[in-house]
């Protein structure tokens, strides 16, 4: 019991990364990951899978930059699943420009920056004030699941 209490109140490991910013080491069901929390609508949340407490690799930085460097291409990877859900949820036609409906809100960077490893991308709904986020989960390089949360 005492060990649990010590771990509960132990300071978390953190680091300042030149690309990801302030990262805090977290522990999840699938293992450890570095987390950069969003503090504004313009700033995405980023999680970076890791082994132990290894800092993000150059391959993970490249993966992140490939997603954020071309958000149109990133949205194209998920649009076939997201557009019908948007139309069903809001009972309206999807706009011609996806950025009128969604804002990029975050990405989960896979181990080694390998797109065949599990990763996710998050878009925040712009067209209402209900706080919906659409999270798209990838495995083996393919979109496997779309989660919609508030």
N, C-alpha and C. Protein backbone atom coordinates (compact mmCIF):
# COMPACT_ATOMS: atom_id res chain seq x y z
N UNK A 1 0.82 -1.19 0.00
CA UNK A 1 0.00 0.00 0.00
C UNK A 1 0.87 1.25 0.00
N UNK A 2 1.93 1.25 0.79
CA UNK A 2 2.81 2.41 0.85
C UNK A 2 3.47 2.68 -0.49
N UNK A 3 3.83 1.62 -1.23
CA UNK A 3 4.43 1.78 -2.56
C UNK A 3 3.47 2.45 -3.53
N UNK A 4 2.19 2.09 -3.45
CA UNK A 4 1.18 2.70 -4.30
C UNK A 4 1.06 4.19 -4.00
N UNK A 5 1.05 4.54 -2.76
CA UNK A 5 0.93 5.95 -2.36
C UNK A 5 2.15 6.74 -2.82
N UNK A 6 3.34 6.16 -2.69
CA UNK A 6 4.55 6.84 -3.15
C UNK A 6 4.50 7.09 -4.65
N UNK A 7 4.06 6.06 -5.43
CA UNK A 7 3.96 6.22 -6.88
C UNK A 7 2.91 7.26 -7.26
N UNK A 8 1.84 7.30 -6.50
CA UNK A 8 0.75 8.23 -6.76
C UNK A 8 1.22 9.68 -6.66
N UNK A 9 2.07 9.95 -5.68
CA UNK A 9 2.52 11.32 -5.44
C UNK A 9 3.91 11.63 -5.97
N UNK A 10 4.54 10.66 -6.63
CA UNK A 10 5.87 10.89 -7.21
C UNK A 10 5.76 11.87 -8.37
N UNK A 11 6.74 12.76 -8.51
CA UNK A 11 6.69 13.68 -9.65
C UNK A 11 6.84 12.91 -10.96
N UNK A 12 6.12 13.37 -11.98
CA UNK A 12 6.21 12.72 -13.29
C UNK A 12 7.43 13.23 -14.03
N UNK A 13 8.01 12.32 -14.81
CA UNK A 13 9.15 12.66 -15.64
C UNK A 13 8.66 13.55 -16.79
N UNK A 14 9.39 14.60 -17.08
CA UNK A 14 9.02 15.47 -18.20
C UNK A 14 10.27 15.92 -18.93
N UNK A 15 10.06 16.39 -20.15
CA UNK A 15 11.17 16.93 -20.93
C UNK A 15 10.63 17.97 -21.91
N UNK A 16 11.51 18.88 -22.29
CA UNK A 16 11.18 19.90 -23.28
C UNK A 16 11.74 19.41 -24.61
N UNK A 17 10.86 19.19 -25.59
CA UNK A 17 11.27 18.67 -26.89
C UNK A 17 11.22 19.80 -27.92
N UNK A 18 12.20 19.88 -28.83
CA UNK A 18 12.22 20.99 -29.80
C UNK A 18 11.04 21.00 -30.77
N UNK A 19 10.42 19.87 -31.04
CA UNK A 19 9.28 19.83 -31.96
C UNK A 19 7.96 19.70 -31.20
N UNK A 20 7.89 18.82 -30.22
CA UNK A 20 6.65 18.54 -29.52
C UNK A 20 6.37 19.47 -28.34
N UNK A 21 7.37 20.21 -27.90
CA UNK A 21 7.19 21.09 -26.75
C UNK A 21 7.31 20.33 -25.45
N UNK A 22 6.61 20.81 -24.43
CA UNK A 22 6.68 20.19 -23.10
C UNK A 22 5.97 18.83 -23.12
N UNK A 23 6.70 17.78 -22.77
CA UNK A 23 6.17 16.43 -22.73
C UNK A 23 6.24 15.88 -21.31
N UNK A 24 5.21 15.12 -20.95
CA UNK A 24 5.17 14.45 -19.66
C UNK A 24 5.01 12.96 -19.91
N UNK A 25 5.80 12.15 -19.21
CA UNK A 25 5.71 10.71 -19.37
C UNK A 25 4.49 10.19 -18.62
N UNK A 26 3.63 9.49 -19.36
CA UNK A 26 2.41 8.92 -18.79
C UNK A 26 2.46 7.41 -18.94
N UNK A 27 1.58 6.73 -18.24
CA UNK A 27 1.49 5.28 -18.33
C UNK A 27 0.07 4.91 -18.72
N UNK A 28 -0.05 4.11 -19.79
CA UNK A 28 -1.37 3.70 -20.27
C UNK A 28 -1.50 2.20 -20.31
N UNK A 29 -2.67 1.75 -20.76
CA UNK A 29 -2.94 0.31 -20.85
C UNK A 29 -1.94 -0.39 -21.75
N UNK A 30 -1.52 0.29 -22.82
CA UNK A 30 -0.62 -0.32 -23.80
C UNK A 30 0.84 -0.01 -23.53
N UNK A 31 1.11 0.73 -22.46
CA UNK A 31 2.49 1.05 -22.14
C UNK A 31 2.70 2.54 -21.96
N UNK A 32 3.96 2.94 -21.80
CA UNK A 32 4.26 4.35 -21.57
C UNK A 32 4.15 5.19 -22.85
N UNK A 33 3.88 6.47 -22.64
CA UNK A 33 3.84 7.41 -23.76
C UNK A 33 4.13 8.81 -23.24
N UNK A 34 4.67 9.63 -24.12
CA UNK A 34 4.91 11.04 -23.83
C UNK A 34 3.66 11.81 -24.24
N UNK A 35 3.24 12.75 -23.41
CA UNK A 35 2.02 13.51 -23.68
C UNK A 35 2.31 15.00 -23.72
N UNK A 36 1.83 15.65 -24.78
CA UNK A 36 1.83 17.12 -24.85
C UNK A 36 0.37 17.53 -24.86
N UNK A 37 -0.08 18.19 -23.80
CA UNK A 37 -1.46 18.62 -23.71
C UNK A 37 -1.67 19.91 -24.46
N UNK A 38 -2.86 20.05 -25.02
CA UNK A 38 -3.26 21.26 -25.73
C UNK A 38 -3.75 22.28 -24.71
N UNK A 39 -3.30 23.50 -24.87
CA UNK A 39 -3.75 24.57 -23.97
C UNK A 39 -4.57 25.62 -24.71
N UNK A 40 -4.81 25.38 -26.02
CA UNK A 40 -5.65 26.29 -26.81
C UNK A 40 -6.22 25.51 -27.99
N UNK A 41 -7.24 26.07 -28.62
CA UNK A 41 -7.85 25.42 -29.78
C UNK A 41 -6.89 25.32 -30.96
N UNK A 42 -5.90 26.19 -31.01
CA UNK A 42 -4.95 26.20 -32.12
C UNK A 42 -3.80 25.22 -31.94
N UNK A 43 -3.69 24.65 -30.77
CA UNK A 43 -2.56 23.77 -30.45
C UNK A 43 -3.04 22.33 -30.32
N UNK A 44 -2.49 21.41 -31.12
CA UNK A 44 -2.94 20.02 -31.00
C UNK A 44 -2.35 19.32 -29.78
N UNK A 45 -3.09 18.35 -29.28
CA UNK A 45 -2.55 17.42 -28.29
C UNK A 45 -1.74 16.38 -29.04
N UNK A 46 -0.65 15.94 -28.42
CA UNK A 46 0.20 14.94 -29.06
C UNK A 46 0.58 13.90 -28.01
N UNK A 47 0.43 12.64 -28.39
CA UNK A 47 0.97 11.56 -27.56
C UNK A 47 1.98 10.81 -28.42
N UNK A 48 3.07 10.41 -27.81
CA UNK A 48 4.16 9.74 -28.52
C UNK A 48 4.46 8.44 -27.79
N UNK A 49 4.11 7.31 -28.41
CA UNK A 49 4.39 6.01 -27.79
C UNK A 49 5.88 5.84 -27.59
N UNK A 50 6.23 5.20 -26.49
CA UNK A 50 7.65 4.99 -26.19
C UNK A 50 7.86 3.66 -25.49
N UNK A 51 9.10 3.30 -25.35
CA UNK A 51 9.51 2.14 -24.57
C UNK A 51 10.29 2.69 -23.39
N UNK A 52 9.88 2.35 -22.20
CA UNK A 52 10.53 2.90 -21.01
C UNK A 52 10.32 4.39 -20.97
N UNK A 53 11.42 5.12 -20.91
CA UNK A 53 11.35 6.58 -20.90
C UNK A 53 12.16 7.17 -22.05
N UNK A 54 12.30 6.39 -23.13
CA UNK A 54 13.05 6.87 -24.29
C UNK A 54 12.40 8.12 -24.86
N UNK A 55 13.18 9.14 -25.16
CA UNK A 55 12.59 10.34 -25.78
C UNK A 55 12.13 10.03 -27.20
N UNK A 56 11.28 10.88 -27.77
CA UNK A 56 10.82 10.66 -29.14
C UNK A 56 12.00 10.55 -30.11
N UNK A 57 11.87 9.63 -31.07
CA UNK A 57 12.93 9.40 -32.06
C UNK A 57 12.77 10.34 -33.25
N UNK A 58 13.80 10.41 -34.06
CA UNK A 58 13.72 11.23 -35.28
C UNK A 58 12.65 10.68 -36.23
N UNK A 59 12.44 9.36 -36.23
CA UNK A 59 11.39 8.77 -37.06
C UNK A 59 10.01 9.21 -36.57
N UNK A 60 9.84 9.33 -35.26
CA UNK A 60 8.56 9.80 -34.72
C UNK A 60 8.33 11.27 -35.05
N UNK A 61 9.38 12.06 -35.00
CA UNK A 61 9.26 13.47 -35.40
C UNK A 61 8.86 13.54 -36.87
N UNK A 62 9.48 12.73 -37.72
CA UNK A 62 9.16 12.73 -39.15
C UNK A 62 7.71 12.31 -39.38
N UNK A 63 7.24 11.31 -38.66
CA UNK A 63 5.84 10.88 -38.78
C UNK A 63 4.91 12.04 -38.42
N UNK A 64 5.15 12.67 -37.29
CA UNK A 64 4.34 13.81 -36.84
C UNK A 64 4.34 14.92 -37.89
N UNK A 65 5.51 15.25 -38.40
CA UNK A 65 5.61 16.32 -39.39
C UNK A 65 4.93 15.95 -40.71
N UNK A 66 4.91 14.66 -41.04
CA UNK A 66 4.21 14.25 -42.27
C UNK A 66 2.70 14.43 -42.10
N UNK A 67 2.18 14.22 -40.91
CA UNK A 67 0.75 14.42 -40.65
C UNK A 67 0.44 15.92 -40.61
N UNK A 68 1.16 16.65 -39.79
CA UNK A 68 0.85 18.07 -39.60
C UNK A 68 1.26 18.93 -40.79
N UNK A 69 2.19 18.45 -41.60
CA UNK A 69 2.64 19.20 -42.77
C UNK A 69 1.65 19.17 -43.92
N UNK A 70 0.73 18.21 -43.92
CA UNK A 70 -0.28 18.12 -44.97
C UNK A 70 -1.58 17.62 -44.34
N UNK A 71 -2.28 18.52 -43.67
CA UNK A 71 -3.53 18.14 -43.00
C UNK A 71 -4.61 17.75 -43.99
N UNK A 72 -4.56 18.27 -45.22
CA UNK A 72 -5.53 17.84 -46.23
C UNK A 72 -5.36 16.36 -46.54
N UNK A 73 -4.12 15.91 -46.67
CA UNK A 73 -3.86 14.49 -46.92
C UNK A 73 -4.25 13.65 -45.70
N UNK A 74 -4.00 14.17 -44.51
CA UNK A 74 -4.38 13.45 -43.29
C UNK A 74 -5.89 13.29 -43.23
N UNK A 75 -6.63 14.35 -43.55
CA UNK A 75 -8.09 14.25 -43.52
C UNK A 75 -8.59 13.30 -44.61
N UNK A 76 -7.94 13.30 -45.75
CA UNK A 76 -8.34 12.40 -46.84
C UNK A 76 -8.27 10.94 -46.40
N UNK A 77 -7.35 10.60 -45.49
CA UNK A 77 -7.22 9.23 -45.01
C UNK A 77 -8.44 8.78 -44.21
N UNK A 78 -9.19 9.73 -43.66
CA UNK A 78 -10.29 9.39 -42.76
C UNK A 78 -11.66 9.88 -43.24
N UNK A 79 -11.68 10.63 -44.31
CA UNK A 79 -12.92 11.28 -44.74
C UNK A 79 -14.04 10.29 -45.09
N UNK A 80 -13.70 9.15 -45.67
CA UNK A 80 -14.74 8.18 -46.05
C UNK A 80 -15.54 7.71 -44.83
N UNK A 81 -14.91 7.69 -43.66
CA UNK A 81 -15.62 7.29 -42.44
C UNK A 81 -16.23 8.49 -41.72
N UNK A 82 -15.51 9.61 -41.73
CA UNK A 82 -15.96 10.77 -40.94
C UNK A 82 -17.12 11.52 -41.58
N UNK A 83 -17.11 11.69 -42.89
CA UNK A 83 -18.15 12.49 -43.54
C UNK A 83 -19.54 11.90 -43.31
N UNK A 84 -19.76 10.59 -43.53
CA UNK A 84 -21.10 10.05 -43.27
C UNK A 84 -21.53 10.20 -41.80
N UNK A 85 -20.58 10.04 -40.88
CA UNK A 85 -20.91 10.20 -39.46
C UNK A 85 -21.27 11.65 -39.14
N UNK A 86 -20.56 12.57 -39.73
CA UNK A 86 -20.87 13.99 -39.57
C UNK A 86 -22.29 14.28 -40.06
N UNK A 87 -22.61 13.79 -41.27
CA UNK A 87 -23.92 14.05 -41.85
C UNK A 87 -25.03 13.41 -41.03
N UNK A 88 -24.78 12.23 -40.51
CA UNK A 88 -25.78 11.54 -39.67
C UNK A 88 -25.95 12.27 -38.33
N UNK A 89 -24.84 12.66 -37.72
CA UNK A 89 -24.88 13.32 -36.42
C UNK A 89 -25.57 14.68 -36.49
N UNK A 90 -25.25 15.46 -37.51
CA UNK A 90 -25.76 16.82 -37.60
C UNK A 90 -26.95 16.98 -38.54
N UNK A 91 -27.27 15.91 -39.26
CA UNK A 91 -28.39 15.95 -40.21
C UNK A 91 -28.24 17.09 -41.20
N UNK A 92 -27.04 17.21 -41.76
CA UNK A 92 -26.77 18.22 -42.79
C UNK A 92 -25.67 17.71 -43.72
N UNK A 93 -25.61 18.33 -44.87
CA UNK A 93 -24.61 17.98 -45.88
C UNK A 93 -23.24 18.47 -45.44
N UNK A 94 -22.24 17.64 -45.69
CA UNK A 94 -20.87 18.01 -45.35
C UNK A 94 -20.41 19.15 -46.26
N UNK A 95 -19.73 20.18 -45.71
CA UNK A 95 -19.27 21.29 -46.55
C UNK A 95 -18.19 20.86 -47.53
N UNK A 96 -18.00 21.67 -48.58
CA UNK A 96 -16.98 21.35 -49.59
C UNK A 96 -15.58 21.36 -48.99
N UNK A 97 -15.32 22.28 -48.09
CA UNK A 97 -14.01 22.37 -47.44
C UNK A 97 -14.12 21.76 -46.04
N UNK A 98 -13.37 20.70 -45.80
CA UNK A 98 -13.46 20.00 -44.51
C UNK A 98 -13.14 20.90 -43.34
N UNK A 99 -12.34 21.94 -43.54
CA UNK A 99 -11.93 22.83 -42.45
C UNK A 99 -13.08 23.69 -41.94
N UNK A 100 -14.16 23.77 -42.69
CA UNK A 100 -15.35 24.45 -42.19
C UNK A 100 -16.06 23.60 -41.15
N UNK A 101 -15.88 22.30 -41.22
CA UNK A 101 -16.55 21.37 -40.31
C UNK A 101 -15.65 20.92 -39.16
N UNK A 102 -14.37 20.75 -39.42
CA UNK A 102 -13.45 20.18 -38.43
C UNK A 102 -12.18 21.00 -38.28
N UNK A 103 -11.57 20.85 -37.12
CA UNK A 103 -10.23 21.38 -36.86
C UNK A 103 -9.37 20.22 -36.40
N UNK A 104 -8.14 20.17 -36.88
CA UNK A 104 -7.19 19.17 -36.41
C UNK A 104 -6.95 19.41 -34.93
N UNK A 105 -7.09 18.35 -34.11
CA UNK A 105 -6.99 18.52 -32.66
C UNK A 105 -5.88 17.70 -32.02
N UNK A 106 -5.35 16.70 -32.74
CA UNK A 106 -4.27 15.93 -32.12
C UNK A 106 -3.92 14.69 -32.90
N UNK A 107 -2.80 14.11 -32.48
CA UNK A 107 -2.32 12.89 -33.12
C UNK A 107 -1.58 12.05 -32.09
N UNK A 108 -1.74 10.75 -32.21
CA UNK A 108 -0.97 9.80 -31.43
C UNK A 108 0.11 9.21 -32.31
N UNK A 109 1.35 9.48 -32.00
CA UNK A 109 2.48 9.06 -32.82
C UNK A 109 2.89 7.63 -32.43
N UNK A 110 2.97 6.74 -33.41
CA UNK A 110 3.27 5.34 -33.09
C UNK A 110 4.73 5.09 -32.75
N UNK A 111 4.98 3.95 -32.14
CA UNK A 111 6.35 3.52 -31.85
C UNK A 111 7.17 3.54 -33.13
N UNK A 112 8.36 4.09 -33.05
CA UNK A 112 9.28 4.13 -34.18
C UNK A 112 8.80 4.96 -35.35
N UNK A 113 7.68 5.69 -35.20
CA UNK A 113 7.15 6.46 -36.31
C UNK A 113 6.64 5.57 -37.43
N UNK A 114 6.34 4.31 -37.11
CA UNK A 114 5.93 3.31 -38.09
C UNK A 114 4.40 3.30 -38.20
N UNK A 115 3.86 3.72 -39.35
CA UNK A 115 2.41 3.81 -39.56
C UNK A 115 1.71 2.46 -39.48
N UNK A 116 2.46 1.36 -39.51
CA UNK A 116 1.85 0.04 -39.34
C UNK A 116 1.58 -0.28 -37.87
N UNK A 117 2.22 0.46 -36.98
CA UNK A 117 1.94 0.35 -35.55
C UNK A 117 0.64 1.12 -35.25
N UNK A 118 -0.04 0.83 -34.15
CA UNK A 118 -1.26 1.57 -33.83
C UNK A 118 -0.99 3.06 -33.61
N UNK A 119 -1.86 3.90 -34.18
CA UNK A 119 -1.79 5.33 -34.00
C UNK A 119 -3.19 5.91 -34.21
N UNK A 120 -3.35 7.18 -33.89
CA UNK A 120 -4.65 7.82 -34.05
C UNK A 120 -4.50 9.28 -34.41
N UNK A 121 -5.59 9.83 -34.95
CA UNK A 121 -5.65 11.25 -35.28
C UNK A 121 -7.02 11.76 -34.83
N UNK A 122 -7.04 12.98 -34.32
CA UNK A 122 -8.25 13.54 -33.73
C UNK A 122 -8.62 14.85 -34.43
N UNK A 123 -9.92 14.98 -34.71
CA UNK A 123 -10.47 16.21 -35.27
C UNK A 123 -11.61 16.68 -34.37
N UNK A 124 -11.62 17.98 -34.11
CA UNK A 124 -12.67 18.60 -33.28
C UNK A 124 -13.71 19.18 -34.21
N UNK A 125 -14.98 18.95 -33.89
CA UNK A 125 -16.08 19.48 -34.69
C UNK A 125 -16.20 20.98 -34.46
N UNK A 126 -16.25 21.74 -35.53
CA UNK A 126 -16.35 23.20 -35.45
C UNK A 126 -17.77 23.71 -35.57
N UNK A 127 -18.66 22.93 -36.15
CA UNK A 127 -19.95 23.45 -36.58
C UNK A 127 -21.03 23.50 -35.49
N UNK A 128 -20.69 23.17 -34.29
CA UNK A 128 -21.62 23.39 -33.17
C UNK A 128 -20.81 23.53 -31.89
N UNK A 129 -21.45 23.84 -30.82
CA UNK A 129 -20.75 24.06 -29.54
C UNK A 129 -20.88 22.89 -28.58
N UNK A 130 -21.14 21.70 -29.11
CA UNK A 130 -21.34 20.53 -28.25
C UNK A 130 -20.05 19.83 -27.86
N UNK A 131 -18.93 20.23 -28.45
CA UNK A 131 -17.64 19.68 -28.06
C UNK A 131 -17.34 18.29 -28.61
N UNK A 132 -17.90 17.93 -29.75
CA UNK A 132 -17.63 16.61 -30.31
C UNK A 132 -16.20 16.52 -30.85
N UNK A 133 -15.57 15.38 -30.59
CA UNK A 133 -14.28 15.06 -31.19
C UNK A 133 -14.41 13.70 -31.88
N UNK A 134 -13.81 13.62 -33.05
CA UNK A 134 -13.80 12.39 -33.83
C UNK A 134 -12.38 11.85 -33.78
N UNK A 135 -12.21 10.66 -33.22
CA UNK A 135 -10.89 10.03 -33.12
C UNK A 135 -10.84 8.85 -34.06
N UNK A 136 -9.87 8.86 -34.95
CA UNK A 136 -9.71 7.82 -35.96
C UNK A 136 -8.51 6.95 -35.57
N UNK A 137 -8.76 5.65 -35.42
CA UNK A 137 -7.73 4.72 -34.97
C UNK A 137 -7.22 3.89 -36.15
N UNK A 138 -5.90 3.78 -36.23
CA UNK A 138 -5.25 3.03 -37.30
C UNK A 138 -4.47 1.85 -36.73
N UNK A 139 -4.52 0.74 -37.46
CA UNK A 139 -3.70 -0.42 -37.16
C UNK A 139 -3.26 -1.02 -38.49
N UNK A 140 -2.03 -1.48 -38.55
CA UNK A 140 -1.49 -2.06 -39.79
C UNK A 140 -1.67 -1.12 -40.97
N UNK A 141 -1.58 0.18 -40.71
CA UNK A 141 -1.66 1.18 -41.77
C UNK A 141 -3.07 1.48 -42.27
N UNK A 142 -4.10 0.90 -41.63
CA UNK A 142 -5.47 1.08 -42.10
C UNK A 142 -6.35 1.63 -40.98
N UNK A 143 -7.30 2.47 -41.36
CA UNK A 143 -8.29 2.98 -40.43
C UNK A 143 -9.17 1.84 -39.97
N UNK A 144 -9.19 1.58 -38.67
CA UNK A 144 -9.95 0.43 -38.15
C UNK A 144 -11.18 0.84 -37.34
N UNK A 145 -11.18 2.05 -36.81
CA UNK A 145 -12.27 2.44 -35.92
C UNK A 145 -12.39 3.96 -35.87
N UNK A 146 -13.61 4.44 -35.77
CA UNK A 146 -13.89 5.85 -35.57
C UNK A 146 -14.67 5.99 -34.29
N UNK A 147 -14.13 6.76 -33.35
CA UNK A 147 -14.83 7.04 -32.11
C UNK A 147 -15.28 8.49 -32.08
N UNK A 148 -16.50 8.71 -31.62
CA UNK A 148 -17.04 10.06 -31.50
C UNK A 148 -17.38 10.28 -30.04
N UNK A 149 -16.76 11.31 -29.45
CA UNK A 149 -16.95 11.61 -28.03
C UNK A 149 -17.24 13.08 -27.84
N UNK A 150 -17.73 13.42 -26.67
CA UNK A 150 -17.93 14.82 -26.30
C UNK A 150 -17.00 15.18 -25.17
